[in-house]
Amino acid sequence: MPPSEANCQELCTATASLNPVSVRVLGVCDYLVDGFTISDVVVTGCVITSASTLAISADTALVTVQVVVQFRFTGTQPDGTSFSETAECATEIAFLITPVQFPVRLFGEVPCAIDLSCSATAAGFDAAIGAEEFIVTVTGTVACYGCESAVVNVELCPPQG
C-alpha cells in the first residue's frame, strides 16, 4: 500500500482536561425567632445536602449549594420559663467560578465534580429581622472539564481497486 493510502484520514482533536478550582465562600443563614428570646447558641454541625453546577458561559459556571446548620440553644418565654432545644437553619449559597480560560471552553455536557464541606459559627441575634444569624463557610474544590474546539481535517481515501 503506498504511503498516501496508508494514512487516508487525518484527525486533529483536543482532549478534555479536568480543571480544579479552590473554593472558599461565605454565606449567611437566618433562623427566625418569634415569641421567645434566644441565648447560649452552640453550632453542632454543618451539612451540605446538595450541590450542583450549571455552565452559564464558555468559561463560567454557577455553583449552587444547599446547606443545613445544626445547633442547640436556650429559649426564654415571655413569662421567664426557659427551655433547651435543637434546631436547624437551611440556606442556599450560590457563587460563580471560572475554571477555564480562552481558548479552553467549559465542556457543559459533563457535570463538574464537587468536593465541598461547610462550617458555621453563630453570629448573634439580629433584632432588625428577628433572627439568629449564622455565618457559613463553604470550602473545597470544584473541578470542571474544559476542552479546546476540535479541528478535523479529512482526506478522501483513494478508491480501492
N, C-alpha and C. Protein backbone atom coordinates (compact mmCIF):
# COMPACT_ATOMS: atom_id res chain seq x y z
N MET A 1 0.86 -1.16 0.00
CA MET A 1 0.00 0.00 0.00
C MET A 1 0.91 1.23 0.00
N PRO A 2 0.73 2.14 -0.95
CA PRO A 2 1.54 3.36 -0.98
C PRO A 2 1.32 4.19 0.29
N PRO A 3 2.31 5.00 0.71
CA PRO A 3 2.18 5.78 1.94
C PRO A 3 0.97 6.71 1.95
N SER A 4 0.57 7.25 0.80
CA SER A 4 -0.58 8.16 0.77
C SER A 4 -1.87 7.42 1.10
N GLU A 5 -1.92 6.12 0.77
CA GLU A 5 -3.12 5.36 1.09
C GLU A 5 -3.10 4.86 2.53
N ALA A 6 -1.92 4.71 3.12
CA ALA A 6 -1.81 4.19 4.48
C ALA A 6 -2.42 5.18 5.48
N ASN A 7 -2.35 6.45 5.20
CA ASN A 7 -2.87 7.45 6.11
C ASN A 7 -3.93 8.27 5.40
N CYS A 8 -5.09 7.65 5.14
CA CYS A 8 -6.09 8.31 4.33
C CYS A 8 -7.02 9.20 5.15
N GLN A 9 -6.89 9.19 6.47
CA GLN A 9 -7.72 10.06 7.30
C GLN A 9 -6.83 10.68 8.37
N GLU A 10 -6.89 11.98 8.49
CA GLU A 10 -6.09 12.66 9.49
C GLU A 10 -7.03 13.41 10.41
N LEU A 11 -6.91 13.15 11.70
CA LEU A 11 -7.77 13.81 12.68
C LEU A 11 -6.91 14.60 13.65
N CYS A 12 -7.33 15.80 13.96
CA CYS A 12 -6.65 16.60 14.96
C CYS A 12 -7.72 17.03 15.94
N THR A 13 -7.75 16.44 17.13
CA THR A 13 -8.79 16.77 18.11
C THR A 13 -8.13 17.14 19.43
N ALA A 14 -8.82 17.93 20.19
CA ALA A 14 -8.36 18.31 21.53
C ALA A 14 -8.99 17.36 22.54
N THR A 15 -8.26 17.07 23.60
CA THR A 15 -8.81 16.21 24.64
C THR A 15 -9.29 17.08 25.80
N ALA A 16 -10.30 16.60 26.48
CA ALA A 16 -10.83 17.33 27.63
C ALA A 16 -9.90 17.17 28.82
N SER A 17 -9.76 18.22 29.60
CA SER A 17 -8.93 18.16 30.81
C SER A 17 -9.74 18.67 32.00
N LEU A 18 -9.45 18.10 33.16
CA LEU A 18 -10.15 18.48 34.39
C LEU A 18 -9.45 19.69 34.99
N ASN A 19 -10.21 20.73 35.29
CA ASN A 19 -9.66 21.99 35.80
C ASN A 19 -10.23 22.27 37.19
N PRO A 20 -9.48 21.93 38.27
CA PRO A 20 -10.00 22.16 39.62
C PRO A 20 -9.81 23.62 40.06
N VAL A 21 -10.78 24.11 40.83
CA VAL A 21 -10.74 25.46 41.38
C VAL A 21 -10.94 25.35 42.89
N SER A 22 -10.05 25.99 43.65
CA SER A 22 -10.22 26.03 45.11
C SER A 22 -11.33 27.01 45.44
N VAL A 23 -12.16 26.63 46.40
CA VAL A 23 -13.34 27.42 46.76
C VAL A 23 -13.28 27.76 48.24
N ARG A 24 -13.57 29.02 48.54
CA ARG A 24 -13.80 29.47 49.93
C ARG A 24 -14.78 30.63 49.84
N VAL A 25 -16.05 30.36 50.15
CA VAL A 25 -17.09 31.38 50.07
C VAL A 25 -17.85 31.45 51.39
N LEU A 26 -18.41 32.61 51.64
CA LEU A 26 -19.18 32.83 52.86
C LEU A 26 -20.64 33.06 52.52
N GLY A 27 -21.50 32.64 53.42
CA GLY A 27 -22.92 32.88 53.29
C GLY A 27 -23.53 33.09 54.66
N VAL A 28 -24.80 33.44 54.69
CA VAL A 28 -25.50 33.69 55.95
C VAL A 28 -26.76 32.83 55.99
N CYS A 29 -27.02 32.28 57.16
CA CYS A 29 -28.25 31.54 57.39
C CYS A 29 -29.00 32.24 58.52
N ASP A 30 -30.28 32.56 58.30
CA ASP A 30 -31.10 33.24 59.31
C ASP A 30 -32.14 32.28 59.87
N TYR A 31 -32.15 32.13 61.21
CA TYR A 31 -33.13 31.31 61.90
C TYR A 31 -34.10 32.27 62.59
N LEU A 32 -35.32 32.35 62.06
CA LEU A 32 -36.30 33.30 62.60
C LEU A 32 -36.73 32.89 64.01
N VAL A 33 -36.78 33.87 64.92
CA VAL A 33 -37.15 33.66 66.31
C VAL A 33 -38.38 34.53 66.60
N ASP A 34 -39.47 33.90 67.05
CA ASP A 34 -40.69 34.65 67.31
C ASP A 34 -41.34 34.13 68.59
N GLY A 35 -41.62 35.02 69.51
CA GLY A 35 -42.34 34.64 70.72
C GLY A 35 -41.45 34.25 71.89
N PHE A 36 -40.14 34.26 71.73
CA PHE A 36 -39.22 33.96 72.82
C PHE A 36 -37.87 34.61 72.50
N THR A 37 -37.02 34.66 73.50
CA THR A 37 -35.66 35.15 73.27
C THR A 37 -34.73 33.94 73.20
N ILE A 38 -33.63 34.11 72.51
CA ILE A 38 -32.71 33.00 72.27
C ILE A 38 -31.34 33.36 72.88
N SER A 39 -30.69 32.36 73.49
CA SER A 39 -29.36 32.56 74.07
C SER A 39 -28.60 31.24 74.06
N ASP A 40 -27.34 31.30 74.44
CA ASP A 40 -26.48 30.11 74.54
C ASP A 40 -26.53 29.26 73.28
N VAL A 41 -26.37 29.88 72.13
CA VAL A 41 -26.43 29.18 70.84
C VAL A 41 -25.10 28.49 70.59
N VAL A 42 -25.16 27.19 70.29
CA VAL A 42 -23.97 26.40 70.01
C VAL A 42 -24.18 25.63 68.71
N VAL A 43 -23.32 25.86 67.74
CA VAL A 43 -23.39 25.13 66.47
C VAL A 43 -22.90 23.71 66.71
N THR A 44 -23.69 22.72 66.27
CA THR A 44 -23.30 21.31 66.45
C THR A 44 -22.93 20.63 65.13
N GLY A 45 -23.20 21.29 64.01
CA GLY A 45 -22.84 20.69 62.73
C GLY A 45 -23.23 21.57 61.55
N CYS A 46 -22.65 21.23 60.42
CA CYS A 46 -22.99 21.90 59.16
C CYS A 46 -22.90 20.84 58.07
N VAL A 47 -23.96 20.73 57.27
CA VAL A 47 -24.04 19.68 56.27
C VAL A 47 -24.45 20.29 54.93
N ILE A 48 -23.77 19.87 53.88
CA ILE A 48 -24.20 20.22 52.54
C ILE A 48 -25.14 19.12 52.07
N THR A 49 -26.39 19.49 51.82
CA THR A 49 -27.38 18.48 51.44
C THR A 49 -27.45 18.27 49.93
N SER A 50 -27.05 19.27 49.15
CA SER A 50 -26.96 19.09 47.71
C SER A 50 -26.09 20.19 47.13
N ALA A 51 -25.53 19.89 45.97
CA ALA A 51 -24.70 20.87 45.26
C ALA A 51 -24.82 20.58 43.77
N SER A 52 -24.85 21.65 42.99
CA SER A 52 -24.96 21.48 41.54
C SER A 52 -24.19 22.58 40.83
N THR A 53 -23.89 22.33 39.56
CA THR A 53 -23.23 23.34 38.74
C THR A 53 -24.00 23.50 37.44
N LEU A 54 -23.89 24.70 36.88
CA LEU A 54 -24.52 25.00 35.61
C LEU A 54 -23.59 25.91 34.83
N ALA A 55 -23.19 25.47 33.64
CA ALA A 55 -22.34 26.31 32.78
C ALA A 55 -23.21 27.47 32.28
N ILE A 56 -22.81 28.71 32.59
CA ILE A 56 -23.60 29.86 32.15
C ILE A 56 -22.91 30.65 31.05
N SER A 57 -21.67 30.32 30.77
CA SER A 57 -20.97 30.90 29.62
C SER A 57 -19.85 29.93 29.24
N ALA A 58 -19.04 30.33 28.28
CA ALA A 58 -17.96 29.45 27.82
C ALA A 58 -16.91 29.20 28.88
N ASP A 59 -16.79 30.12 29.86
CA ASP A 59 -15.74 29.95 30.86
C ASP A 59 -16.22 30.06 32.30
N THR A 60 -17.53 30.24 32.54
CA THR A 60 -18.04 30.47 33.88
C THR A 60 -19.14 29.47 34.22
N ALA A 61 -19.08 28.97 35.45
CA ALA A 61 -20.11 28.06 35.95
C ALA A 61 -20.71 28.63 37.23
N LEU A 62 -22.01 28.43 37.39
CA LEU A 62 -22.72 28.80 38.60
C LEU A 62 -22.78 27.56 39.50
N VAL A 63 -22.30 27.70 40.73
CA VAL A 63 -22.34 26.60 41.71
C VAL A 63 -23.40 26.96 42.74
N THR A 64 -24.33 26.05 43.00
CA THR A 64 -25.39 26.26 43.98
C THR A 64 -25.29 25.17 45.03
N VAL A 65 -25.20 25.58 46.30
CA VAL A 65 -25.01 24.65 47.41
C VAL A 65 -26.14 24.85 48.42
N GLN A 66 -26.81 23.75 48.77
CA GLN A 66 -27.83 23.76 49.83
C GLN A 66 -27.14 23.36 51.13
N VAL A 67 -27.27 24.19 52.16
CA VAL A 67 -26.56 23.98 53.43
C VAL A 67 -27.57 23.93 54.57
N VAL A 68 -27.31 23.03 55.54
CA VAL A 68 -28.11 22.97 56.76
C VAL A 68 -27.16 23.12 57.95
N VAL A 69 -27.43 24.14 58.78
CA VAL A 69 -26.66 24.37 60.02
C VAL A 69 -27.46 23.76 61.16
N GLN A 70 -26.81 22.90 61.94
CA GLN A 70 -27.45 22.27 63.10
C GLN A 70 -26.93 22.96 64.36
N PHE A 71 -27.84 23.25 65.31
CA PHE A 71 -27.42 23.96 66.52
C PHE A 71 -28.37 23.66 67.67
N ARG A 72 -27.93 24.04 68.85
CA ARG A 72 -28.79 23.94 70.04
C ARG A 72 -28.78 25.32 70.72
N PHE A 73 -29.84 25.59 71.47
CA PHE A 73 -29.94 26.88 72.12
C PHE A 73 -30.83 26.79 73.35
N THR A 74 -30.80 27.87 74.13
CA THR A 74 -31.71 28.03 75.25
C THR A 74 -32.69 29.12 74.86
N GLY A 75 -33.96 28.83 75.02
CA GLY A 75 -35.01 29.81 74.74
C GLY A 75 -35.66 30.25 76.04
N THR A 76 -36.08 31.51 76.07
CA THR A 76 -36.76 32.02 77.26
C THR A 76 -38.10 32.62 76.82
N GLN A 77 -39.17 32.09 77.41
CA GLN A 77 -40.53 32.56 77.11
C GLN A 77 -40.74 33.93 77.78
N PRO A 78 -41.74 34.68 77.33
CA PRO A 78 -42.03 35.98 77.95
C PRO A 78 -42.33 35.89 79.45
N ASP A 79 -42.84 34.73 79.92
CA ASP A 79 -43.14 34.58 81.36
C ASP A 79 -41.90 34.18 82.17
N GLY A 80 -40.73 34.06 81.48
CA GLY A 80 -39.48 33.76 82.19
C GLY A 80 -39.09 32.30 82.20
N THR A 81 -39.96 31.40 81.75
CA THR A 81 -39.58 29.99 81.73
C THR A 81 -38.60 29.73 80.59
N SER A 82 -37.63 28.86 80.87
CA SER A 82 -36.59 28.54 79.89
C SER A 82 -36.77 27.13 79.36
N PHE A 83 -36.25 26.90 78.17
CA PHE A 83 -36.27 25.57 77.57
C PHE A 83 -35.02 25.42 76.70
N SER A 84 -34.59 24.18 76.53
CA SER A 84 -33.46 23.88 75.65
C SER A 84 -34.00 23.18 74.42
N GLU A 85 -33.40 23.48 73.26
CA GLU A 85 -33.92 22.90 72.03
C GLU A 85 -32.78 22.75 71.02
N THR A 86 -32.95 21.77 70.11
CA THR A 86 -32.06 21.67 68.96
C THR A 86 -32.85 22.11 67.74
N ALA A 87 -32.14 22.68 66.78
CA ALA A 87 -32.83 23.20 65.59
C ALA A 87 -31.89 23.17 64.40
N GLU A 88 -32.44 23.48 63.24
CA GLU A 88 -31.67 23.55 62.00
C GLU A 88 -32.02 24.83 61.26
N CYS A 89 -31.04 25.33 60.56
CA CYS A 89 -31.21 26.52 59.74
C CYS A 89 -30.73 26.14 58.33
N ALA A 90 -31.62 26.28 57.35
CA ALA A 90 -31.27 25.90 55.98
C ALA A 90 -31.12 27.14 55.12
N THR A 91 -30.15 27.09 54.20
CA THR A 91 -29.95 28.20 53.28
C THR A 91 -29.34 27.70 51.98
N GLU A 92 -29.36 28.56 50.99
CA GLU A 92 -28.74 28.25 49.70
C GLU A 92 -27.64 29.29 49.45
N ILE A 93 -26.49 28.80 49.07
CA ILE A 93 -25.37 29.68 48.75
C ILE A 93 -25.01 29.44 47.29
N ALA A 94 -25.00 30.50 46.50
CA ALA A 94 -24.67 30.40 45.08
C ALA A 94 -23.48 31.31 44.78
N PHE A 95 -22.58 30.82 43.93
CA PHE A 95 -21.40 31.61 43.57
C PHE A 95 -20.92 31.19 42.19
N LEU A 96 -20.13 32.06 41.58
CA LEU A 96 -19.58 31.81 40.24
C LEU A 96 -18.13 31.39 40.34
N ILE A 97 -17.72 30.47 39.44
CA ILE A 97 -16.32 30.11 39.30
C ILE A 97 -15.94 30.22 37.83
N THR A 98 -14.65 30.44 37.59
CA THR A 98 -14.13 30.49 36.23
C THR A 98 -12.97 29.49 36.15
N PRO A 99 -13.29 28.23 35.86
CA PRO A 99 -12.26 27.19 35.89
C PRO A 99 -11.41 27.10 34.62
N VAL A 100 -11.81 27.77 33.55
CA VAL A 100 -11.05 27.69 32.29
C VAL A 100 -10.84 29.08 31.72
N GLN A 101 -9.84 29.21 30.86
CA GLN A 101 -9.57 30.46 30.17
C GLN A 101 -9.44 30.19 28.68
N PHE A 102 -9.81 31.17 27.86
CA PHE A 102 -9.73 31.04 26.41
C PHE A 102 -8.32 30.61 26.01
N PRO A 103 -8.13 29.67 25.10
CA PRO A 103 -9.11 29.11 24.16
C PRO A 103 -9.87 27.90 24.69
N VAL A 104 -9.61 27.52 25.93
CA VAL A 104 -10.34 26.39 26.51
C VAL A 104 -11.74 26.85 26.88
N ARG A 105 -12.74 25.98 26.64
CA ARG A 105 -14.13 26.27 26.96
C ARG A 105 -14.64 25.19 27.91
N LEU A 106 -15.65 25.55 28.72
CA LEU A 106 -16.28 24.55 29.57
C LEU A 106 -16.94 23.49 28.72
N PHE A 107 -16.77 22.25 29.12
CA PHE A 107 -17.42 21.13 28.45
C PHE A 107 -18.74 20.91 29.19
N GLY A 108 -19.77 21.66 28.78
CA GLY A 108 -21.03 21.72 29.51
C GLY A 108 -21.81 20.43 29.60
N GLU A 109 -21.54 19.47 28.70
CA GLU A 109 -22.30 18.22 28.73
C GLU A 109 -21.89 17.33 29.90
N VAL A 110 -20.71 17.56 30.46
CA VAL A 110 -20.24 16.75 31.59
C VAL A 110 -20.31 17.61 32.84
N PRO A 111 -21.04 17.17 33.88
CA PRO A 111 -21.14 18.00 35.10
C PRO A 111 -19.79 18.11 35.82
N CYS A 112 -19.64 19.18 36.54
CA CYS A 112 -18.42 19.39 37.32
C CYS A 112 -18.41 18.45 38.53
N ALA A 113 -17.21 18.10 38.97
CA ALA A 113 -17.05 17.28 40.18
C ALA A 113 -16.96 18.23 41.37
N ILE A 114 -17.80 18.01 42.37
CA ILE A 114 -17.89 18.93 43.52
C ILE A 114 -17.41 18.20 44.77
N ASP A 115 -16.41 18.77 45.44
CA ASP A 115 -15.91 18.23 46.71
C ASP A 115 -15.85 19.39 47.71
N LEU A 116 -16.99 19.64 48.36
CA LEU A 116 -17.10 20.78 49.25
C LEU A 116 -17.55 20.35 50.64
N SER A 117 -17.19 21.14 51.64
CA SER A 117 -17.68 20.94 53.00
C SER A 117 -18.02 22.32 53.57
N CYS A 118 -18.72 22.32 54.70
CA CYS A 118 -19.09 23.61 55.29
C CYS A 118 -18.85 23.61 56.78
N SER A 119 -18.72 24.81 57.31
CA SER A 119 -18.66 25.03 58.75
C SER A 119 -19.47 26.28 59.04
N ALA A 120 -19.92 26.42 60.28
CA ALA A 120 -20.76 27.57 60.62
C ALA A 120 -20.41 28.07 62.01
N THR A 121 -20.62 29.36 62.20
CA THR A 121 -20.45 29.97 63.52
C THR A 121 -21.68 30.84 63.79
N ALA A 122 -22.09 30.88 65.05
CA ALA A 122 -23.22 31.72 65.43
C ALA A 122 -22.74 33.17 65.43
N ALA A 123 -23.50 34.04 64.77
CA ALA A 123 -23.11 35.45 64.65
C ALA A 123 -23.96 36.35 65.53
N GLY A 124 -24.92 35.79 66.26
CA GLY A 124 -25.74 36.59 67.15
C GLY A 124 -27.12 36.86 66.60
N PHE A 125 -27.91 37.51 67.43
CA PHE A 125 -29.30 37.80 67.10
C PHE A 125 -29.38 39.15 66.41
N ASP A 126 -30.07 39.20 65.27
CA ASP A 126 -30.29 40.44 64.53
C ASP A 126 -31.72 40.88 64.80
N ALA A 127 -31.87 41.89 65.66
CA ALA A 127 -33.20 42.34 66.06
C ALA A 127 -33.97 42.96 64.90
N ALA A 128 -33.27 43.52 63.92
CA ALA A 128 -33.93 44.17 62.80
C ALA A 128 -34.78 43.19 61.99
N ILE A 129 -34.29 41.94 61.88
CA ILE A 129 -35.06 40.94 61.12
C ILE A 129 -35.63 39.84 62.03
N GLY A 130 -35.32 39.89 63.34
CA GLY A 130 -35.85 38.91 64.28
C GLY A 130 -35.31 37.51 64.05
N ALA A 131 -33.99 37.42 63.82
CA ALA A 131 -33.41 36.11 63.51
C ALA A 131 -32.03 35.94 64.15
N GLU A 132 -31.76 34.71 64.55
CA GLU A 132 -30.40 34.34 64.93
C GLU A 132 -29.65 34.10 63.63
N GLU A 133 -28.46 34.68 63.52
CA GLU A 133 -27.70 34.56 62.27
C GLU A 133 -26.51 33.65 62.46
N PHE A 134 -26.21 32.93 61.37
CA PHE A 134 -25.05 32.06 61.32
C PHE A 134 -24.23 32.42 60.09
N ILE A 135 -22.93 32.50 60.27
CA ILE A 135 -22.02 32.70 59.14
C ILE A 135 -21.57 31.31 58.69
N VAL A 136 -21.81 31.00 57.41
CA VAL A 136 -21.49 29.69 56.86
C VAL A 136 -20.28 29.85 55.93
N THR A 137 -19.29 28.99 56.11
CA THR A 137 -18.12 28.97 55.24
C THR A 137 -18.11 27.67 54.45
N VAL A 138 -18.08 27.79 53.13
CA VAL A 138 -18.03 26.62 52.25
C VAL A 138 -16.63 26.58 51.64
N THR A 139 -15.94 25.44 51.81
CA THR A 139 -14.57 25.29 51.29
C THR A 139 -14.45 23.97 50.54
N GLY A 140 -13.42 23.88 49.70
CA GLY A 140 -13.15 22.65 48.96
C GLY A 140 -12.75 22.95 47.54
N THR A 141 -13.11 22.04 46.64
CA THR A 141 -12.78 22.23 45.23
C THR A 141 -13.98 21.90 44.35
N VAL A 142 -14.01 22.58 43.21
CA VAL A 142 -14.96 22.26 42.15
C VAL A 142 -14.11 22.07 40.90
N ALA A 143 -14.23 20.91 40.27
CA ALA A 143 -13.41 20.60 39.09
C ALA A 143 -14.32 20.40 37.88
N CYS A 144 -14.10 21.23 36.86
CA CYS A 144 -14.91 21.17 35.66
C CYS A 144 -14.05 20.76 34.47
N TYR A 145 -14.67 20.06 33.51
CA TYR A 145 -13.94 19.68 32.31
C TYR A 145 -13.95 20.84 31.32
N GLY A 146 -12.80 21.04 30.70
CA GLY A 146 -12.68 22.04 29.66
C GLY A 146 -12.02 21.42 28.45
N CYS A 147 -12.28 21.96 27.28
CA CYS A 147 -11.62 21.45 26.08
C CYS A 147 -11.54 22.56 25.06
N GLU A 148 -10.60 22.41 24.16
CA GLU A 148 -10.49 23.34 23.04
C GLU A 148 -11.32 22.78 21.89
N SER A 149 -11.78 23.67 21.05
CA SER A 149 -12.55 23.22 19.90
C SER A 149 -11.70 22.27 19.06
N ALA A 150 -12.32 21.22 18.59
CA ALA A 150 -11.60 20.24 17.78
C ALA A 150 -11.60 20.67 16.32
N VAL A 151 -10.48 20.49 15.68
CA VAL A 151 -10.36 20.75 14.24
C VAL A 151 -10.18 19.41 13.57
N VAL A 152 -11.01 19.12 12.59
CA VAL A 152 -10.93 17.83 11.92
C VAL A 152 -10.64 18.07 10.45
N ASN A 153 -9.55 17.47 9.98
CA ASN A 153 -9.21 17.51 8.54
C ASN A 153 -9.33 16.09 8.02
N VAL A 154 -10.10 15.93 6.98
CA VAL A 154 -10.31 14.58 6.43
C VAL A 154 -9.86 14.58 4.97
N GLU A 155 -9.05 13.59 4.66
CA GLU A 155 -8.62 13.36 3.27
C GLU A 155 -9.43 12.21 2.74
N LEU A 156 -9.86 12.29 1.51
CA LEU A 156 -10.58 11.18 0.92
C LEU A 156 -9.62 10.02 0.66
N CYS A 157 -10.09 8.84 0.93
CA CYS A 157 -9.28 7.66 0.66
C CYS A 157 -9.31 7.39 -0.85
N PRO A 158 -8.19 6.97 -1.40
CA PRO A 158 -8.20 6.62 -2.81
C PRO A 158 -9.09 5.41 -3.05
N PRO A 159 -9.69 5.32 -4.20
CA PRO A 159 -10.58 4.19 -4.47
C PRO A 159 -9.81 2.85 -4.39
N GLN A 160 -10.46 1.89 -3.81
CA GLN A 160 -9.85 0.55 -3.72
C GLN A 160 -10.02 -0.12 -5.06
N GLY A 161 -8.98 -0.71 -5.51
CA GLY A 161 -9.15 -1.20 -6.83
C GLY A 161 -8.64 -2.48 -7.12
